[in-house]
Amino acid sequence: HEYRLFSQGGADFLLTGNLNPWDHAAGALIAREAGGYVKMLDGEA
């Protein structure tokens, strides 16, 4: 629901505390395709 919010304009940013792929693989793509900028906090892809 946090990624759903972001991708529909309901939030300005998301910061993750882990990288479990079941939590973030889909959301990262959806956020990027919604126009968002998605990078690791260290700047890596």
PDB file of all heavy atoms in Angstrom:
ATOM      1  N   HIS A   1       0.815  -1.216   0.000  1.00  0.00           N
ATOM      2  CA  HIS A   1       0.000   0.000   0.000  1.00  0.00           C
ATOM      3  C   HIS A   1       0.847   1.264   0.000  1.00  0.00           C
ATOM      4  O   HIS A   1       0.401   2.302  -0.511  1.00  0.00           O
ATOM      5  CB  HIS A   1      -0.983  -0.028   1.164  1.00  0.00           C
ATOM      6  CG  HIS A   1      -2.191  -0.849   0.876  1.00  0.00           C
ATOM      7  ND1 HIS A   1      -3.250  -0.386   0.136  1.00  0.00           N
ATOM      8  CD2 HIS A   1      -2.491  -2.131   1.193  1.00  0.00           C
ATOM      9  CE1 HIS A   1      -4.170  -1.328   0.014  1.00  0.00           C
ATOM     10  NE2 HIS A   1      -3.729  -2.406   0.651  1.00  0.00           N
ATOM     11  N   GLU A   2       2.056   1.205   0.518  1.00  0.00           N
ATOM     12  CA  GLU A   2       2.920   2.378   0.438  1.00  0.00           C
ATOM     13  C   GLU A   2       3.340   2.645  -1.002  1.00  0.00           C
ATOM     14  O   GLU A   2       3.323   3.794  -1.461  1.00  0.00           O
ATOM     15  CB  GLU A   2       4.130   2.187   1.349  1.00  0.00           C
ATOM     16  CG  GLU A   2       3.747   2.243   2.816  1.00  0.00           C
ATOM     17  CD  GLU A   2       4.894   2.009   3.779  1.00  0.00           C
ATOM     18  OE1 GLU A   2       6.015   1.700   3.319  1.00  0.00           O
ATOM     19  OE2 GLU A   2       4.674   2.134   4.995  1.00  0.00           O
ATOM     20  N   TYR A   3       3.690   1.599  -1.740  1.00  0.00           N
ATOM     21  CA  TYR A   3       4.010   1.781  -3.154  1.00  0.00           C
ATOM     22  C   TYR A   3       2.770   2.194  -3.951  1.00  0.00           C
ATOM     23  O   TYR A   3       2.865   2.988  -4.897  1.00  0.00           O
ATOM     24  CB  TYR A   3       4.599   0.502  -3.745  1.00  0.00           C
ATOM     25  CG  TYR A   3       6.072   0.328  -3.486  1.00  0.00           C
ATOM     26  CD1 TYR A   3       6.539  -0.676  -2.634  1.00  0.00           C
ATOM     27  CD2 TYR A   3       7.020   1.145  -4.096  1.00  0.00           C
ATOM     28  CE1 TYR A   3       7.889  -0.855  -2.397  1.00  0.00           C
ATOM     29  CE2 TYR A   3       8.377   0.981  -3.867  1.00  0.00           C
ATOM     30  CZ  TYR A   3       8.810  -0.022  -3.019  1.00  0.00           C
ATOM     31  OH  TYR A   3      10.155  -0.189  -2.793  1.00  0.00           O
ATOM     32  N   ARG A   4       1.613   1.663  -3.599  1.00  0.00           N
ATOM     33  CA  ARG A   4       0.376   2.086  -4.270  1.00  0.00           C
ATOM     34  C   ARG A   4       0.148   3.581  -4.048  1.00  0.00           C
ATOM     35  O   ARG A   4      -0.221   4.310  -4.973  1.00  0.00           O
ATOM     36  CB  ARG A   4      -0.816   1.273  -3.744  1.00  0.00           C
ATOM     37  CG  ARG A   4      -0.941  -0.117  -4.356  1.00  0.00           C
ATOM     38  CD  ARG A   4      -2.043  -0.930  -3.683  1.00  0.00           C
ATOM     39  NE  ARG A   4      -3.340  -0.296  -3.785  1.00  0.00           N
ATOM     40  CZ  ARG A   4      -4.373  -0.766  -4.485  1.00  0.00           C
ATOM     41  NH1 ARG A   4      -4.262  -1.890  -5.195  1.00  0.00           N
ATOM     42  NH2 ARG A   4      -5.526  -0.128  -4.493  1.00  0.00           N
ATOM     43  N   LEU A   5       0.334   4.029  -2.815  1.00  0.00           N
ATOM     44  CA  LEU A   5       0.165   5.455  -2.514  1.00  0.00           C
ATOM     45  C   LEU A   5       1.123   6.307  -3.342  1.00  0.00           C
ATOM     46  O   LEU A   5       0.715   7.292  -3.959  1.00  0.00           O
ATOM     47  CB  LEU A   5       0.418   5.703  -1.031  1.00  0.00           C
ATOM     48  CG  LEU A   5      -0.761   5.653  -0.071  1.00  0.00           C
ATOM     49  CD1 LEU A   5      -0.272   5.865   1.354  1.00  0.00           C
ATOM     50  CD2 LEU A   5      -1.811   6.695  -0.425  1.00  0.00           C
ATOM     51  N   PHE A   6       2.404   5.943  -3.323  1.00  0.00           N
ATOM     52  CA  PHE A   6       3.388   6.737  -4.051  1.00  0.00           C
ATOM     53  C   PHE A   6       3.043   6.818  -5.528  1.00  0.00           C
ATOM     54  O   PHE A   6       3.092   7.904  -6.133  1.00  0.00           O
ATOM     55  CB  PHE A   6       4.794   6.150  -3.879  1.00  0.00           C
ATOM     56  CG  PHE A   6       5.830   6.892  -4.680  1.00  0.00           C
ATOM     57  CD1 PHE A   6       6.455   8.012  -4.156  1.00  0.00           C
ATOM     58  CD2 PHE A   6       6.139   6.503  -5.977  1.00  0.00           C
ATOM     59  CE1 PHE A   6       7.383   8.722  -4.913  1.00  0.00           C
ATOM     60  CE2 PHE A   6       7.059   7.205  -6.739  1.00  0.00           C
ATOM     61  CZ  PHE A   6       7.681   8.318  -6.205  1.00  0.00           C
ATOM     62  N   SER A   7       2.699   5.693  -6.131  1.00  0.00           N
ATOM     63  CA  SER A   7       2.478   5.653  -7.576  1.00  0.00           C
ATOM     64  C   SER A   7       1.209   6.376  -8.003  1.00  0.00           C
ATOM     65  O   SER A   7       1.021   6.659  -9.185  1.00  0.00           O
ATOM     66  CB  SER A   7       2.428   4.199  -8.062  1.00  0.00           C
ATOM     67  OG  SER A   7       1.287   3.524  -7.565  1.00  0.00           O
ATOM     68  N   GLN A   8       0.341   6.711  -7.037  1.00  0.00           N
ATOM     69  CA  GLN A   8      -0.878   7.448  -7.350  1.00  0.00           C
ATOM     70  C   GLN A   8      -0.852   8.864  -6.776  1.00  0.00           C
ATOM     71  O   GLN A   8      -1.892   9.514  -6.679  1.00  0.00           O
ATOM     72  CB  GLN A   8      -2.096   6.684  -6.831  1.00  0.00           C
ATOM     73  CG  GLN A   8      -2.268   5.326  -7.497  1.00  0.00           C
ATOM     74  CD  GLN A   8      -3.467   4.577  -6.959  1.00  0.00           C
ATOM     75  OE1 GLN A   8      -4.589   4.697  -7.474  1.00  0.00           O
ATOM     76  NE2 GLN A   8      -3.248   3.793  -5.916  1.00  0.00           N
ATOM     77  N   GLY A   9       0.328   9.333  -6.394  1.00  0.00           N
ATOM     78  CA  GLY A   9       0.458  10.704  -5.930  1.00  0.00           C
ATOM     79  C   GLY A   9       0.093  10.933  -4.486  1.00  0.00           C
ATOM     80  O   GLY A   9      -0.116  12.077  -4.071  1.00  0.00           O
ATOM     81  N   GLY A  10       0.040   9.883  -3.673  1.00  0.00           N
ATOM     82  CA  GLY A  10      -0.348  10.040  -2.274  1.00  0.00           C
ATOM     83  C   GLY A  10       0.804  10.161  -1.308  1.00  0.00           C
ATOM     84  O   GLY A  10       0.589  10.307  -0.105  1.00  0.00           O
ATOM     85  N   ALA A  11       2.026  10.081  -1.804  1.00  0.00           N
ATOM     86  CA  ALA A  11       3.206  10.222  -0.960  1.00  0.00           C
ATOM     87  C   ALA A  11       4.338  10.786  -1.803  1.00  0.00           C
ATOM     88  O   ALA A  11       4.368  10.601  -3.024  1.00  0.00           O
ATOM     89  CB  ALA A  11       3.615   8.877  -0.354  1.00  0.00           C
ATOM     90  N   ASP A  12       5.275  11.476  -1.142  1.00  0.00           N
ATOM     91  CA  ASP A  12       6.387  12.095  -1.856  1.00  0.00           C
ATOM     92  C   ASP A  12       7.622  11.218  -1.914  1.00  0.00           C
ATOM     93  O   ASP A  12       8.422  11.342  -2.841  1.00  0.00           O
ATOM     94  CB  ASP A  12       6.757  13.420  -1.191  1.00  0.00           C
ATOM     95  CG  ASP A  12       5.611  14.415  -1.247  1.00  0.00           C
ATOM     96  OD1 ASP A  12       5.330  14.927  -2.338  1.00  0.00           O
ATOM     97  OD2 ASP A  12       4.983  14.649  -0.190  1.00  0.00           O
ATOM     98  N   PHE A  13       7.805  10.368  -0.909  1.00  0.00           N
ATOM     99  CA  PHE A  13       8.971   9.489  -0.961  1.00  0.00           C
ATOM    100  C   PHE A  13       8.761   8.261  -0.092  1.00  0.00           C
ATOM    101  O   PHE A  13       7.926   8.250   0.820  1.00  0.00           O
ATOM    102  CB  PHE A  13      10.250  10.229  -0.532  1.00  0.00           C
ATOM    103  CG  PHE A  13      10.343  10.573   0.934  1.00  0.00           C
ATOM    104  CD1 PHE A  13      10.966   9.708   1.826  1.00  0.00           C
ATOM    105  CD2 PHE A  13       9.833  11.774   1.409  1.00  0.00           C
ATOM    106  CE1 PHE A  13      11.046  10.026   3.182  1.00  0.00           C
ATOM    107  CE2 PHE A  13       9.927  12.109   2.749  1.00  0.00           C
ATOM    108  CZ  PHE A  13      10.542  11.233   3.637  1.00  0.00           C
ATOM    109  N   LEU A  14       9.544   7.228  -0.388  1.00  0.00           N
ATOM    110  CA  LEU A  14       9.568   5.994   0.380  1.00  0.00           C
ATOM    111  C   LEU A  14      11.023   5.669   0.679  1.00  0.00           C
ATOM    112  O   LEU A  14      11.889   5.780  -0.193  1.00  0.00           O
ATOM    113  CB  LEU A  14       8.952   4.829  -0.406  1.00  0.00           C
ATOM    114  CG  LEU A  14       7.554   5.006  -1.002  1.00  0.00           C
ATOM    115  CD1 LEU A  14       7.172   3.761  -1.787  1.00  0.00           C
ATOM    116  CD2 LEU A  14       6.534   5.284   0.090  1.00  0.00           C
ATOM    117  N   LEU A  15      11.289   5.236   1.896  1.00  0.00           N
ATOM    118  CA  LEU A  15      12.614   4.771   2.283  1.00  0.00           C
ATOM    119  C   LEU A  15      12.469   3.368   2.849  1.00  0.00           C
ATOM    120  O   LEU A  15      11.671   3.143   3.765  1.00  0.00           O
ATOM    121  CB  LEU A  15      13.216   5.697   3.346  1.00  0.00           C
ATOM    122  CG  LEU A  15      14.569   5.259   3.920  1.00  0.00           C
ATOM    123  CD1 LEU A  15      15.664   5.374   2.858  1.00  0.00           C
ATOM    124  CD2 LEU A  15      14.922   6.088   5.150  1.00  0.00           C
ATOM    125  N   THR A  16      13.215   2.420   2.299  1.00  0.00           N
ATOM    126  CA  THR A  16      13.071   1.040   2.754  1.00  0.00           C
ATOM    127  C   THR A  16      14.080   0.715   3.844  1.00  0.00           C
ATOM    128  O   THR A  16      15.167   1.283   3.908  1.00  0.00           O
ATOM    129  CB  THR A  16      13.259   0.038   1.603  1.00  0.00           C
ATOM    130  OG1 THR A  16      14.660  -0.047   1.276  1.00  0.00           O
ATOM    131  CG2 THR A  16      12.480   0.470   0.376  1.00  0.00           C
ATOM    132  N   GLY A  17      13.704  -0.237   4.703  1.00  0.00           N
ATOM    133  CA  GLY A  17      14.598  -0.708   5.750  1.00  0.00           C
ATOM    134  C   GLY A  17      15.187  -2.060   5.447  1.00  0.00           C
ATOM    135  O   GLY A  17      16.057  -2.545   6.170  1.00  0.00           O
ATOM    136  N   ASN A  18      14.701  -2.709   4.389  1.00  0.00           N
ATOM    137  CA  ASN A  18      15.279  -3.973   3.942  1.00  0.00           C
ATOM    138  C   ASN A  18      15.117  -4.056   2.430  1.00  0.00           C
ATOM    139  O   ASN A  18      14.522  -3.183   1.800  1.00  0.00           O
ATOM    140  CB  ASN A  18      14.615  -5.172   4.632  1.00  0.00           C
ATOM    141  CG  ASN A  18      13.135  -5.298   4.295  1.00  0.00           C
ATOM    142  OD1 ASN A  18      12.692  -4.991   3.192  1.00  0.00           O
ATOM    143  ND2 ASN A  18      12.348  -5.768   5.251  1.00  0.00           N
ATOM    144  N   LEU A  19      15.636  -5.118   1.845  1.00  0.00           N
ATOM    145  CA  LEU A  19      15.527  -5.286   0.394  1.00  0.00           C
ATOM    146  C   LEU A  19      14.906  -6.626   0.033  1.00  0.00           C
ATOM    147  O   LEU A  19      15.235  -7.193  -1.009  1.00  0.00           O
ATOM    148  CB  LEU A  19      16.913  -5.167  -0.262  1.00  0.00           C
ATOM    149  CG  LEU A  19      17.497  -3.766  -0.388  1.00  0.00           C
ATOM    150  CD1 LEU A  19      18.798  -3.815  -1.182  1.00  0.00           C
ATOM    151  CD2 LEU A  19      16.530  -2.806  -1.068  1.00  0.00           C
ATOM    152  N   ASN A  20      14.021  -7.135   0.874  1.00  0.00           N
ATOM    153  CA  ASN A  20      13.349  -8.378   0.511  1.00  0.00           C
ATOM    154  C   ASN A  20      12.707  -8.216  -0.868  1.00  0.00           C
ATOM    155  O   ASN A  20      11.902  -7.304  -1.068  1.00  0.00           O
ATOM    156  CB  ASN A  20      12.264  -8.723   1.532  1.00  0.00           C
ATOM    157  CG  ASN A  20      12.829  -9.079   2.883  1.00  0.00           C
ATOM    158  OD1 ASN A  20      13.932  -9.612   2.979  1.00  0.00           O
ATOM    159  ND2 ASN A  20      12.087  -8.785   3.935  1.00  0.00           N
ATOM    160  N   PRO A  21      13.025  -9.075  -1.824  1.00  0.00           N
ATOM    161  CA  PRO A  21      12.493  -8.876  -3.171  1.00  0.00           C
ATOM    162  C   PRO A  21      10.979  -8.967  -3.246  1.00  0.00           C
ATOM    163  O   PRO A  21      10.365  -8.323  -4.102  1.00  0.00           O
ATOM    164  CB  PRO A  21      13.175  -9.977  -3.996  1.00  0.00           C
ATOM    165  CG  PRO A  21      13.571 -11.016  -2.995  1.00  0.00           C
ATOM    166  CD  PRO A  21      13.911 -10.257  -1.750  1.00  0.00           C
ATOM    167  N   TRP A  22      10.363  -9.753  -2.357  1.00  0.00           N
ATOM    168  CA  TRP A  22       8.899  -9.841  -2.378  1.00  0.00           C
ATOM    169  C   TRP A  22       8.255  -8.534  -1.918  1.00  0.00           C
ATOM    170  O   TRP A  22       7.116  -8.251  -2.254  1.00  0.00           O
ATOM    171  CB  TRP A  22       8.408 -11.004  -1.519  1.00  0.00           C
ATOM    172  CG  TRP A  22       9.078 -11.126  -0.194  1.00  0.00           C
ATOM    173  CD1 TRP A  22       8.773 -10.463   0.957  1.00  0.00           C
ATOM    174  CD2 TRP A  22      10.200 -11.972   0.105  1.00  0.00           C
ATOM    175  NE1 TRP A  22       9.630 -10.826   1.968  1.00  0.00           N
ATOM    176  CE2 TRP A  22      10.507 -11.760   1.482  1.00  0.00           C
ATOM    177  CE3 TRP A  22      10.955 -12.877  -0.616  1.00  0.00           C
ATOM    178  CZ2 TRP A  22      11.550 -12.434   2.119  1.00  0.00           C
ATOM    179  CZ3 TRP A  22      11.985 -13.543   0.020  1.00  0.00           C
ATOM    180  CH2 TRP A  22      12.282 -13.325   1.364  1.00  0.00           C
ATOM    181  N   ASP A  23       8.989  -7.699  -1.192  1.00  0.00           N
ATOM    182  CA  ASP A  23       8.466  -6.404  -0.771  1.00  0.00           C
ATOM    183  C   ASP A  23       8.689  -5.315  -1.818  1.00  0.00           C
ATOM    184  O   ASP A  23       7.879  -4.389  -1.923  1.00  0.00           O
ATOM    185  CB  ASP A  23       9.137  -5.948   0.531  1.00  0.00           C
ATOM    186  CG  ASP A  23       8.694  -6.745   1.743  1.00  0.00           C
ATOM    187  OD1 ASP A  23       7.529  -7.156   1.780  1.00  0.00           O
ATOM    188  OD2 ASP A  23       9.522  -6.954   2.640  1.00  0.00           O
ATOM    189  N   HIS A  24       9.793  -5.397  -2.576  1.00  0.00           N
ATOM    190  CA  HIS A  24      10.229  -4.232  -3.346  1.00  0.00           C
ATOM    191  C   HIS A  24      10.415  -4.422  -4.851  1.00  0.00           C
ATOM    192  O   HIS A  24      10.458  -3.422  -5.577  1.00  0.00           O
ATOM    193  CB  HIS A  24      11.522  -3.682  -2.735  1.00  0.00           C
ATOM    194  CG  HIS A  24      11.403  -3.369  -1.282  1.00  0.00           C
ATOM    195  ND1 HIS A  24      10.542  -2.400  -0.804  1.00  0.00           N
ATOM    196  CD2 HIS A  24      11.991  -3.928  -0.195  1.00  0.00           C
ATOM    197  CE1 HIS A  24      10.622  -2.354   0.518  1.00  0.00           C
ATOM    198  NE2 HIS A  24      11.485  -3.270   0.912  1.00  0.00           N
ATOM    199  N   ALA A  25      10.530  -5.644  -5.327  1.00  0.00           N
ATOM    200  CA  ALA A  25      10.780  -5.827  -6.769  1.00  0.00           C
ATOM    201  C   ALA A  25       9.645  -5.255  -7.606  1.00  0.00           C
ATOM    202  O   ALA A  25       9.872  -4.527  -8.581  1.00  0.00           O
ATOM    203  CB  ALA A  25      10.990  -7.302  -7.089  1.00  0.00           C
ATOM    204  N   ALA A  26       8.414  -5.565  -7.240  1.00  0.00           N
ATOM    205  CA  ALA A  26       7.260  -5.046  -7.985  1.00  0.00           C
ATOM    206  C   ALA A  26       7.099  -3.548  -7.757  1.00  0.00           C
ATOM    207  O   ALA A  26       6.899  -2.776  -8.702  1.00  0.00           O
ATOM    208  CB  ALA A  26       5.986  -5.774  -7.565  1.00  0.00           C
ATOM    209  N   GLY A  27       7.192  -3.113  -6.493  1.00  0.00           N
ATOM    210  CA  GLY A  27       6.962  -1.708  -6.169  1.00  0.00           C
ATOM    211  C   GLY A  27       7.962  -0.776  -6.809  1.00  0.00           C
ATOM    212  O   GLY A  27       7.609   0.322  -7.252  1.00  0.00           O
ATOM    213  N   ALA A  28       9.229  -1.197  -6.866  1.00  0.00           N
ATOM    214  CA  ALA A  28      10.250  -0.343  -7.472  1.00  0.00           C
ATOM    215  C   ALA A  28       9.952  -0.112  -8.949  1.00  0.00           C
ATOM    216  O   ALA A  28      10.093   1.005  -9.456  1.00  0.00           O
ATOM    217  CB  ALA A  28      11.632  -0.975  -7.293  1.00  0.00           C
ATOM    218  N   LEU A  29       9.550  -1.169  -9.656  1.00  0.00           N
ATOM    219  CA  LEU A  29       9.184  -1.010 -11.063  1.00  0.00           C
ATOM    220  C   LEU A  29       7.963  -0.103 -11.205  1.00  0.00           C
ATOM    221  O   LEU A  29       7.935   0.805 -12.049  1.00  0.00           O
ATOM    222  CB  LEU A  29       8.889  -2.371 -11.689  1.00  0.00           C
ATOM    223  CG  LEU A  29       8.323  -2.327 -13.114  1.00  0.00           C
ATOM    224  CD1 LEU A  29       9.375  -1.833 -14.106  1.00  0.00           C
ATOM    225  CD2 LEU A  29       7.784  -3.689 -13.534  1.00  0.00           C
ATOM    226  N   ILE A  30       6.952  -0.336 -10.389  1.00  0.00           N
ATOM    227  CA  ILE A  30       5.718   0.439 -10.469  1.00  0.00           C
ATOM    228  C   ILE A  30       5.977   1.913 -10.173  1.00  0.00           C
ATOM    229  O   ILE A  30       5.457   2.799 -10.856  1.00  0.00           O
ATOM    230  CB  ILE A  30       4.669  -0.169  -9.515  1.00  0.00           C
ATOM    231  CG1 ILE A  30       4.105  -1.457 -10.136  1.00  0.00           C
ATOM    232  CG2 ILE A  30       3.547   0.822  -9.192  1.00  0.00           C
ATOM    233  CD1 ILE A  30       3.289  -2.300  -9.187  1.00  0.00           C
ATOM    234  N   ALA A  31       6.806   2.188  -9.164  1.00  0.00           N
ATOM    235  CA  ALA A  31       7.143   3.575  -8.839  1.00  0.00           C
ATOM    236  C   ALA A  31       7.885   4.243  -9.995  1.00  0.00           C
ATOM    237  O   ALA A  31       7.607   5.397 -10.344  1.00  0.00           O
ATOM    238  CB  ALA A  31       7.991   3.623  -7.569  1.00  0.00           C
ATOM    239  N   ARG A  32       8.824   3.528 -10.590  1.00  0.00           N
ATOM    240  CA  ARG A  32       9.589   4.096 -11.702  1.00  0.00           C
ATOM    241  C   ARG A  32       8.693   4.335 -12.913  1.00  0.00           C
ATOM    242  O   ARG A  32       8.783   5.383 -13.571  1.00  0.00           O
ATOM    243  CB  ARG A  32      10.749   3.167 -12.068  1.00  0.00           C
ATOM    244  CG  ARG A  32      11.708   3.747 -13.099  1.00  0.00           C
ATOM    245  CD  ARG A  32      12.978   2.939 -13.216  1.00  0.00           C
ATOM    246  NE  ARG A  32      12.732   1.573 -13.636  1.00  0.00           N
ATOM    247  CZ  ARG A  32      12.952   0.506 -12.883  1.00  0.00           C
ATOM    248  NH1 ARG A  32      13.394   0.639 -11.650  1.00  0.00           N
ATOM    249  NH2 ARG A  32      12.712  -0.706 -13.354  1.00  0.00           N
ATOM    250  N   GLU A  33       7.833   3.398 -13.217  1.00  0.00           N
ATOM    251  CA  GLU A  33       6.944   3.548 -14.373  1.00  0.00           C
ATOM    252  C   GLU A  33       5.897   4.623 -14.141  1.00  0.00           C
ATOM    253  O   GLU A  33       5.319   5.158 -15.097  1.00  0.00           O
ATOM    254  CB  GLU A  33       6.284   2.212 -14.711  1.00  0.00           C
ATOM    255  CG  GLU A  33       7.238   1.159 -15.259  1.00  0.00           C
ATOM    256  CD  GLU A  33       7.788   1.518 -16.630  1.00  0.00           C
ATOM    257  OE1 GLU A  33       7.128   2.268 -17.374  1.00  0.00           O
ATOM    258  OE2 GLU A  33       8.905   1.070 -16.957  1.00  0.00           O
ATOM    259  N   ALA A  34       5.661   4.973 -12.873  1.00  0.00           N
ATOM    260  CA  ALA A  34       4.742   6.077 -12.554  1.00  0.00           C
ATOM    261  C   ALA A  34       5.438   7.425 -12.631  1.00  0.00           C
ATOM    262  O   ALA A  34       4.830   8.455 -12.339  1.00  0.00           O
ATOM    263  CB  ALA A  34       4.152   5.874 -11.161  1.00  0.00           C
ATOM    264  N   GLY A  35       6.708   7.416 -13.013  1.00  0.00           N
ATOM    265  CA  GLY A  35       7.461   8.660 -13.156  1.00  0.00           C
ATOM    266  C   GLY A  35       8.454   8.919 -12.054  1.00  0.00           C
ATOM    267  O   GLY A  35       9.153   9.934 -12.073  1.00  0.00           O
ATOM    268  N   GLY A  36       8.521   8.028 -11.067  1.00  0.00           N
ATOM    269  CA  GLY A  36       9.397   8.237  -9.935  1.00  0.00           C
ATOM    270  C   GLY A  36      10.860   7.967 -10.239  1.00  0.00           C
ATOM    271  O   GLY A  36      11.207   7.343 -11.250  1.00  0.00           O
ATOM    272  N   TYR A  37      11.706   8.446  -9.344  1.00  0.00           N
ATOM    273  CA  TYR A  37      13.150   8.239  -9.432  1.00  0.00           C
ATOM    274  C   TYR A  37      13.514   7.244  -8.344  1.00  0.00           C
ATOM    275  O   TYR A  37      13.274   7.486  -7.155  1.00  0.00           O
ATOM    276  CB  TYR A  37      13.886   9.561  -9.235  1.00  0.00           C
ATOM    277  CG  TYR A  37      15.355   9.511  -9.572  1.00  0.00           C
ATOM    278  CD1 TYR A  37      15.795   9.591 -10.892  1.00  0.00           C
ATOM    279  CD2 TYR A  37      16.313   9.389  -8.572  1.00  0.00           C
ATOM    280  CE1 TYR A  37      17.154   9.568 -11.210  1.00  0.00           C
ATOM    281  CE2 TYR A  37      17.666   9.362  -8.879  1.00  0.00           C
ATOM    282  CZ  TYR A  37      18.073   9.448 -10.200  1.00  0.00           C
ATOM    283  OH  TYR A  37      19.422   9.416 -10.507  1.00  0.00           O
ATOM    284  N   VAL A  38      14.075   6.110  -8.739  1.00  0.00           N
ATOM    285  CA  VAL A  38      14.267   4.973  -7.839  1.00  0.00           C
ATOM    286  C   VAL A  38      15.741   4.580  -7.836  1.00  0.00           C
ATOM    287  O   VAL A  38      16.262   4.107  -8.847  1.00  0.00           O
ATOM    288  CB  VAL A  38      13.401   3.780  -8.289  1.00  0.00           C
ATOM    289  CG1 VAL A  38      13.586   2.596  -7.352  1.00  0.00           C
ATOM    290  CG2 VAL A  38      11.927   4.175  -8.370  1.00  0.00           C
ATOM    291  N   LYS A  39      16.396   4.779  -6.705  1.00  0.00           N
ATOM    292  CA  LYS A  39      17.812   4.421  -6.574  1.00  0.00           C
ATOM    293  C   LYS A  39      18.078   3.924  -5.149  1.00  0.00           C
ATOM    294  O   LYS A  39      17.377   4.290  -4.199  1.00  0.00           O
ATOM    295  CB  LYS A  39      18.710   5.631  -6.832  1.00  0.00           C
ATOM    296  CG  LYS A  39      18.738   6.126  -8.265  1.00  0.00           C
ATOM    297  CD  LYS A  39      19.665   5.299  -9.126  1.00  0.00           C
ATOM    298  CE  LYS A  39      19.816   5.903 -10.513  1.00  0.00           C
ATOM    299  NZ  LYS A  39      20.715   5.097 -11.355  1.00  0.00           N
ATOM    300  N   MET A  40      19.120   3.121  -5.030  1.00  0.00           N
ATOM    301  CA  MET A  40      19.594   2.790  -3.701  1.00  0.00           C
ATOM    302  C   MET A  40      20.079   4.072  -3.024  1.00  0.00           C
ATOM    303  O   MET A  40      20.481   5.023  -3.695  1.00  0.00           O
ATOM    304  CB  MET A  40      20.719   1.766  -3.775  1.00  0.00           C
ATOM    305  CG  MET A  40      20.299   0.430  -4.383  1.00  0.00           C
ATOM    306  SD  MET A  40      19.047  -0.396  -3.376  1.00  0.00           S
ATOM    307  CE  MET A  40      19.986  -0.718  -1.882  1.00  0.00           C
ATOM    308  N   LEU A  41      20.056   4.096  -1.708  1.00  0.00           N
ATOM    309  CA  LEU A  41      20.429   5.304  -0.974  1.00  0.00           C
ATOM    310  C   LEU A  41      21.878   5.704  -1.254  1.00  0.00           C
ATOM    311  O   LEU A  41      22.238   6.881  -1.125  1.00  0.00           O
ATOM    312  CB  LEU A  41      20.203   5.092   0.527  1.00  0.00           C
ATOM    313  CG  LEU A  41      20.203   6.315   1.440  1.00  0.00           C
ATOM    314  CD1 LEU A  41      19.242   7.383   0.951  1.00  0.00           C
ATOM    315  CD2 LEU A  41      19.847   5.906   2.864  1.00  0.00           C
ATOM    316  N   ASP A  42      22.702   4.732  -1.653  1.00  0.00           N
ATOM    317  CA  ASP A  42      24.084   5.059  -2.002  1.00  0.00           C
ATOM    318  C   ASP A  42      24.233   5.502  -3.450  1.00  0.00           C
ATOM    319  O   ASP A  42      25.347   5.752  -3.926  1.00  0.00           O
ATOM    320  CB  ASP A  42      25.016   3.874  -1.724  1.00  0.00           C
ATOM    321  CG  ASP A  42      24.679   2.636  -2.549  1.00  0.00           C
ATOM    322  OD1 ASP A  42      23.820   2.723  -3.457  1.00  0.00           O
ATOM    323  OD2 ASP A  42      25.278   1.572  -2.287  1.00  0.00           O
ATOM    324  N   GLY A  43      23.130   5.616  -4.172  1.00  0.00           N
ATOM    325  CA  GLY A  43      23.150   6.095  -5.550  1.00  0.00           C
ATOM    326  C   GLY A  43      23.224   5.011  -6.599  1.00  0.00           C
ATOM    327  O   GLY A  43      23.109   5.295  -7.794  1.00  0.00           O
ATOM    328  N   GLU A  44      23.393   3.760  -6.176  1.00  0.00           N
ATOM    329  CA  GLU A  44      23.474   2.663  -7.130  1.00  0.00           C
ATOM    330  C   GLU A  44      22.084   2.266  -7.613  1.00  0.00           C
ATOM    331  O   GLU A  44      21.069   2.558  -6.976  1.00  0.00           O
ATOM    332  CB  GLU A  44      24.171   1.455  -6.489  1.00  0.00           C
ATOM    333  CG  GLU A  44      25.623   1.706  -6.126  1.00  0.00           C
ATOM    334  CD  GLU A  44      26.479   2.021  -7.336  1.00  0.00           C
ATOM    335  OE1 GLU A  44      26.369   1.299  -8.340  1.00  0.00           O
ATOM    336  OE2 GLU A  44      27.247   3.011  -7.280  1.00  0.00           O
ATOM    337  N   ALA A  45      22.038   1.584  -8.753  1.00  0.00           N
ATOM    338  CA  ALA A  45      20.763   1.121  -9.302  1.00  0.00           C
ATOM    339  C   ALA A  45      20.203  -0.010  -8.447  1.00  0.00           C
ATOM    340  O   ALA A  45      20.950  -0.829  -7.893  1.00  0.00           O
ATOM    341  CB  ALA A  45      20.960   0.648 -10.742  1.00  0.00           C
TER     342      ALA A  45
END
